[in-house]
Each structure stands twice: as structure tokens, then as C-alpha cells.
PDB file of N, CA and C in Angstrom:
ATOM      1  N   MET A   1     135.371 -53.821 -21.087  1.00  0.00           N
ATOM      2  CA  MET A   1     134.910 -53.703 -19.717  1.00  0.00           C
ATOM      3  C   MET A   1     135.999 -54.130 -18.734  1.00  0.00           C
ATOM      4  N   ILE A   2     136.725 -55.183 -19.087  1.00  0.00           N
ATOM      5  CA  ILE A   2     137.788 -55.662 -18.207  1.00  0.00           C
ATOM      6  C   ILE A   2     138.918 -54.637 -18.104  1.00  0.00           C
ATOM      7  N   THR A   3     139.107 -53.853 -19.185  1.00  0.00           N
ATOM      8  CA  THR A   3     140.136 -52.814 -19.163  1.00  0.00           C
ATOM      9  C   THR A   3     139.797 -51.739 -18.139  1.00  0.00           C
ATOM     10  N   LEU A   4     138.545 -51.337 -18.089  1.00  0.00           N
ATOM     11  CA  LEU A   4     138.122 -50.338 -17.110  1.00  0.00           C
ATOM     12  C   LEU A   4     138.271 -50.851 -15.685  1.00  0.00           C
ATOM     13  N   LEU A   5     137.967 -52.105 -15.484  1.00  0.00           N
ATOM     14  CA  LEU A   5     138.133 -52.705 -14.164  1.00  0.00           C
ATOM     15  C   LEU A   5     139.603 -52.724 -13.766  1.00  0.00           C
ATOM     16  N   PHE A   6     140.470 -53.074 -14.702  1.00  0.00           N
ATOM     17  CA  PHE A   6     141.908 -53.088 -14.432  1.00  0.00           C
ATOM     18  C   PHE A   6     142.409 -51.688 -14.080  1.00  0.00           C
ATOM     19  N   ILE A   7     141.960 -50.678 -14.818  1.00  0.00           N
ATOM     20  CA  ILE A   7     142.378 -49.299 -14.542  1.00  0.00           C
ATOM     21  C   ILE A   7     141.883 -48.855 -13.172  1.00  0.00           C
ATOM     22  N   PHE A   8     140.650 -49.197 -12.828  1.00  0.00           N
ATOM     23  CA  PHE A   8     140.097 -48.841 -11.522  1.00  0.00           C
ATOM     24  C   PHE A   8     140.887 -49.487 -10.389  1.00  0.00           C
ATOM     25  N   VAL A   9     141.177 -50.767 -10.517  1.00  0.00           N
ATOM     26  CA  VAL A   9     141.930 -51.479  -9.479  1.00  0.00           C
ATOM     27  C   VAL A   9     143.346 -50.915  -9.372  1.00  0.00           C
ATOM     28  N   ALA A  10     143.973 -50.637 -10.498  1.00  0.00           N
ATOM     29  CA  ALA A  10     145.326 -50.070 -10.482  1.00  0.00           C
ATOM     30  C   ALA A  10     145.333 -48.700  -9.809  1.00  0.00           C
ATOM     31  N   ALA A  11     144.347 -47.866 -10.104  1.00  0.00           N
ATOM     32  CA  ALA A  11     144.264 -46.543  -9.484  1.00  0.00           C
ATOM     33  C   ALA A  11     144.048 -46.657  -7.977  1.00  0.00           C
ATOM     34  N   CYS A  12     143.226 -47.591  -7.558  1.00  0.00           N
ATOM     35  CA  CYS A  12     143.004 -47.810  -6.121  1.00  0.00           C
ATOM     36  C   CYS A  12     144.282 -48.258  -5.426  1.00  0.00           C
ATOM     37  N   LEU A  13     145.007 -49.171  -6.051  1.00  0.00           N
ATOM     38  CA  LEU A  13     146.249 -49.660  -5.451  1.00  0.00           C
ATOM     39  C   LEU A  13     147.320 -48.576  -5.399  1.00  0.00           C
ATOM     40  N   ILE A  14     147.408 -47.769  -6.438  1.00  0.00           N
ATOM     41  CA  ILE A  14     148.377 -46.670  -6.435  1.00  0.00           C
ATOM     42  C   ILE A  14     148.027 -45.666  -5.343  1.00  0.00           C
ATOM     43  N   SER A  15     146.764 -45.341  -5.217  1.00  0.00           N
ATOM     44  CA  SER A  15     146.328 -44.424  -4.172  1.00  0.00           C
ATOM     45  C   SER A  15     146.604 -44.997  -2.782  1.00  0.00           C
ATOM     46  N   LEU A  16     146.341 -46.266  -2.621  1.00  0.00           N
ATOM     47  CA  LEU A  16     146.584 -46.930  -1.342  1.00  0.00           C
ATOM     48  C   LEU A  16     148.069 -46.937  -0.991  1.00  0.00           C
ATOM     49  N   ALA A  17     148.924 -47.107  -1.983  1.00  0.00           N
ATOM     50  CA  ALA A  17     150.367 -47.139  -1.742  1.00  0.00           C
ATOM     51  C   ALA A  17     150.947 -45.742  -1.530  1.00  0.00           C
ATOM     52  N   LEU A  18     150.443 -44.757  -2.245  1.00  0.00           N
ATOM     53  CA  LEU A  18     151.017 -43.413  -2.179  1.00  0.00           C
ATOM     54  C   LEU A  18     150.571 -42.606  -0.965  1.00  0.00           C
ATOM     55  N   THR A  19     149.396 -42.870  -0.449  1.00  0.00           N
ATOM     56  CA  THR A  19     148.873 -42.058   0.647  1.00  0.00           C
ATOM     57  C   THR A  19     149.780 -42.062   1.881  1.00  0.00           C
ATOM     58  N   PRO A  20     150.249 -43.208   2.383  1.00  0.00           N
ATOM     59  CA  PRO A  20     151.158 -43.164   3.532  1.00  0.00           C
ATOM     60  C   PRO A  20     152.492 -42.490   3.207  1.00  0.00           C
ATOM     61  N   ALA A  21     152.982 -42.665   1.988  1.00  0.00           N
ATOM     62  CA  ALA A  21     154.249 -42.044   1.601  1.00  0.00           C
ATOM     63  C   ALA A  21     154.117 -40.522   1.554  1.00  0.00           C
ATOM     64  N   VAL A  22     153.018 -40.036   1.008  1.00  0.00           N
ATOM     65  CA  VAL A  22     152.791 -38.590   0.946  1.00  0.00           C
ATOM     66  C   VAL A  22     152.596 -38.029   2.348  1.00  0.00           C
ATOM     67  N   ARG A  23     151.948 -38.779   3.206  1.00  0.00           N
ATOM     68  CA  ARG A  23     151.755 -38.335   4.591  1.00  0.00           C
ATOM     69  C   ARG A  23     153.091 -38.189   5.304  1.00  0.00           C
ATOM     70  N   GLN A  24     153.954 -39.182   5.157  1.00  0.00           N
ATOM     71  CA  GLN A  24     155.277 -39.114   5.783  1.00  0.00           C
ATOM     72  C   GLN A  24     156.091 -37.955   5.218  1.00  0.00           C
ATOM     73  N   LEU A  25     156.002 -37.736   3.915  1.00  0.00           N
ATOM     74  CA  LEU A  25     156.712 -36.625   3.290  1.00  0.00           C
ATOM     75  C   LEU A  25     156.211 -35.287   3.830  1.00  0.00           C
ATOM     76  N   ALA A  26     154.912 -35.153   3.985  1.00  0.00           N
ATOM     77  CA  ALA A  26     154.345 -33.912   4.521  1.00  0.00           C
ATOM     78  C   ALA A  26     154.802 -33.672   5.955  1.00  0.00           C
ATOM     79  N   LEU A  27     154.848 -34.718   6.754  1.00  0.00           N
ATOM     80  CA  LEU A  27     155.316 -34.559   8.130  1.00  0.00           C
ATOM     81  C   LEU A  27     156.801 -34.223   8.167  1.00  0.00           C
ATOM     82  N   TYR A  28     157.587 -34.833   7.292  1.00  0.00           N
ATOM     83  CA  TYR A  28     159.029 -34.574   7.242  1.00  0.00           C
ATOM     84  C   TYR A  28     159.323 -33.140   6.796  1.00  0.00           C
ATOM     85  N   LEU A  29     158.585 -32.662   5.788  1.00  0.00           N
ATOM     86  CA  LEU A  29     158.800 -31.313   5.262  1.00  0.00           C
ATOM     87  C   LEU A  29     158.012 -30.251   6.030  1.00  0.00           C
ATOM     88  N   ASP A  30     157.290 -30.675   7.045  1.00  0.00           N
ATOM     89  CA  ASP A  30     156.466 -29.804   7.885  1.00  0.00           C
ATOM     90  C   ASP A  30     155.406 -29.062   7.066  1.00  0.00           C
ATOM     91  N   LEU A  31     154.805 -29.772   6.126  1.00  0.00           N
ATOM     92  CA  LEU A  31     153.689 -29.235   5.342  1.00  0.00           C
ATOM     93  C   LEU A  31     152.394 -29.648   6.027  1.00  0.00           C
ATOM     94  N   THR A  32     152.209 -29.127   7.225  1.00  0.00           N
ATOM     95  CA  THR A  32     151.093 -29.552   8.061  1.00  0.00           C
ATOM     96  C   THR A  32     150.275 -28.357   8.526  1.00  0.00           C
ATOM     97  N   ASP A  33     149.068 -28.645   8.947  1.00  0.00           N
ATOM     98  CA  ASP A  33     148.200 -27.654   9.562  1.00  0.00           C
ATOM     99  C   ASP A  33     148.389 -27.779  11.068  1.00  0.00           C
ATOM    100  N   LYS A  34     148.851 -26.709  11.681  1.00  0.00           N
ATOM    101  CA  LYS A  34     149.140 -26.745  13.117  1.00  0.00           C
ATOM    102  C   LYS A  34     147.858 -26.542  13.925  1.00  0.00           C
ATOM    103  N   PRO A  35     147.739 -27.227  15.051  1.00  0.00           N
ATOM    104  CA  PRO A  35     146.556 -27.028  15.900  1.00  0.00           C
ATOM    105  C   PRO A  35     146.582 -25.642  16.552  1.00  0.00           C
ATOM    106  N   SER A  36     145.417 -25.088  16.757  1.00  0.00           N
ATOM    107  CA  SER A  36     145.280 -23.815  17.466  1.00  0.00           C
ATOM    108  C   SER A  36     143.904 -23.790  18.130  1.00  0.00           C
ATOM    109  N   ALA A  37     143.617 -22.711  18.799  1.00  0.00           N
ATOM    110  CA  ALA A  37     142.346 -22.609  19.519  1.00  0.00           C
ATOM    111  C   ALA A  37     141.153 -22.597  18.561  1.00  0.00           C
ATOM    112  N   ARG A  38     141.349 -22.135  17.338  1.00  0.00           N
ATOM    113  CA  ARG A  38     140.252 -22.040  16.370  1.00  0.00           C
ATOM    114  C   ARG A  38     139.997 -23.338  15.623  1.00  0.00           C
ATOM    115  N   LYS A  39     140.853 -24.329  15.789  1.00  0.00           N
ATOM    116  CA  LYS A  39     140.751 -25.565  15.004  1.00  0.00           C
ATOM    117  C   LYS A  39     140.344 -26.733  15.893  1.00  0.00           C
ATOM    118  N   MET A  40     139.733 -27.731  15.279  1.00  0.00           N
ATOM    119  CA  MET A  40     139.219 -28.866  16.039  1.00  0.00           C
ATOM    120  C   MET A  40     140.281 -29.911  16.330  1.00  0.00           C
ATOM    121  N   HIS A  41     141.306 -30.025  15.477  1.00  0.00           N
ATOM    122  CA  HIS A  41     142.290 -31.083  15.664  1.00  0.00           C
ATOM    123  C   HIS A  41     143.313 -30.691  16.730  1.00  0.00           C
ATOM    124  N   SER A  42     143.896 -31.720  17.347  1.00  0.00           N
ATOM    125  CA  SER A  42     144.839 -31.474  18.438  1.00  0.00           C
ATOM    126  C   SER A  42     146.256 -31.922  18.093  1.00  0.00           C
ATOM    127  N   ARG A  43     146.490 -32.317  16.852  1.00  0.00           N
ATOM    128  CA  ARG A  43     147.840 -32.685  16.411  1.00  0.00           C
ATOM    129  C   ARG A  43     148.038 -32.186  14.990  1.00  0.00           C
ATOM    130  N   LYS A  44     149.269 -32.272  14.506  1.00  0.00           N
ATOM    131  CA  LYS A  44     149.562 -31.815  13.152  1.00  0.00           C
ATOM    132  C   LYS A  44     148.841 -32.686  12.124  1.00  0.00           C
ATOM    133  N   ILE A  45     148.237 -32.044  11.144  1.00  0.00           N
ATOM    134  CA  ILE A  45     147.511 -32.739  10.081  1.00  0.00           C
ATOM    135  C   ILE A  45     148.196 -32.410   8.751  1.00  0.00           C
ATOM    136  N   PRO A  46     148.640 -33.427   7.998  1.00  0.00           N
ATOM    137  CA  PRO A  46     149.271 -33.161   6.698  1.00  0.00           C
ATOM    138  C   PRO A  46     148.305 -32.462   5.744  1.00  0.00           C
ATOM    139  N   ARG A  47     148.830 -31.504   4.984  1.00  0.00           N
ATOM    140  CA  ARG A  47     147.981 -30.709   4.099  1.00  0.00           C
ATOM    141  C   ARG A  47     148.044 -31.146   2.645  1.00  0.00           C
ATOM    142  N   ILE A  48     148.924 -32.063   2.274  1.00  0.00           N
ATOM    143  CA  ILE A  48     149.082 -32.421   0.862  1.00  0.00           C
ATOM    144  C   ILE A  48     148.589 -33.838   0.571  1.00  0.00           C
ATOM    145  N   GLY A  49     147.606 -34.294   1.302  1.00  0.00           N
ATOM    146  CA  GLY A  49     147.087 -35.645   1.100  1.00  0.00           C
ATOM    147  C   GLY A  49     146.433 -35.857  -0.251  1.00  0.00           C
ATOM    148  N   GLY A  50     145.956 -34.795  -0.862  1.00  0.00           N
ATOM    149  CA  GLY A  50     145.323 -34.910  -2.163  1.00  0.00           C
ATOM    150  C   GLY A  50     146.285 -35.245  -3.285  1.00  0.00           C
ATOM    151  N   VAL A  51     147.577 -35.104  -3.045  1.00  0.00           N
ATOM    152  CA  VAL A  51     148.571 -35.406  -4.082  1.00  0.00           C
ATOM    153  C   VAL A  51     148.507 -36.880  -4.471  1.00  0.00           C
ATOM    154  N   ALA A  52     148.341 -37.758  -3.521  1.00  0.00           N
ATOM    155  CA  ALA A  52     148.261 -39.192  -3.819  1.00  0.00           C
ATOM    156  C   ALA A  52     147.023 -39.505  -4.656  1.00  0.00           C
ATOM    157  N   LEU A  53     145.908 -38.889  -4.326  1.00  0.00           N
ATOM    158  CA  LEU A  53     144.685 -39.101  -5.106  1.00  0.00           C
ATOM    159  C   LEU A  53     144.813 -38.497  -6.501  1.00  0.00           C
ATOM    160  N   PHE A  54     145.451 -37.350  -6.596  1.00  0.00           N
ATOM    161  CA  PHE A  54     145.673 -36.712  -7.891  1.00  0.00           C
ATOM    162  C   PHE A  54     146.521 -37.604  -8.792  1.00  0.00           C
ATOM    163  N   CYS A  55     147.581 -38.178  -8.243  1.00  0.00           N
ATOM    164  CA  CYS A  55     148.457 -39.058  -9.033  1.00  0.00           C
ATOM    165  C   CYS A  55     147.717 -40.311  -9.494  1.00  0.00           C
ATOM    166  N   SER A  56     146.919 -40.891  -8.639  1.00  0.00           N
ATOM    167  CA  SER A  56     146.199 -42.101  -9.040  1.00  0.00           C
ATOM    168  C   SER A  56     145.081 -41.786 -10.038  1.00  0.00           C
ATOM    169  N   PHE A  57     144.515 -40.588  -9.956  1.00  0.00           N
ATOM    170  CA  PHE A  57     143.465 -40.198 -10.898  1.00  0.00           C
ATOM    171  C   PHE A  57     144.013 -40.059 -12.317  1.00  0.00           C
ATOM    172  N   PHE A  58     145.226 -39.535 -12.438  1.00  0.00           N
ATOM    173  CA  PHE A  58     145.828 -39.330 -13.754  1.00  0.00           C
ATOM    174  C   PHE A  58     146.678 -40.508 -14.192  1.00  0.00           C
ATOM    175  N   LEU A  59     146.301 -41.686 -13.799  1.00  0.00           N
ATOM    176  CA  LEU A  59     146.975 -42.923 -14.191  1.00  0.00           C
ATOM    177  C   LEU A  59     146.933 -43.088 -15.659  1.00  0.00           C
TER     178      LEU A  59
END
């Protein structure tokens, strides 16, 4: 049981650490969703945020 708890905490910490890094990378590489009249957001939104969650899931 303690092993599962350790894996869960490690995955959470990896996700927490990777999310800002992936966001900065997406903004730097311009992998963003641009605002337009059809969209609700008014600034660039990174499109590869799931990469951090994917990496932490496959810990």
C-alpha cells in the first residue's frame, strides 16, 4: 500500500514540475492556440499541456 502512495505522490510531483516547463516550451515554440472571433480566450493558450500529464502517468 505504501508503494502505491509513493508512486501517486511521485507522479503528482512530476506533473507539478513539468507543467510550467511544458507551458514555457509551448510558448517558445509557438505551439499555441491563437485567439480569434470564434474562440472564448483572448490570449495565446498552449496546446501541449497534456504532455506533462502523459509523462507523469507513465512513471
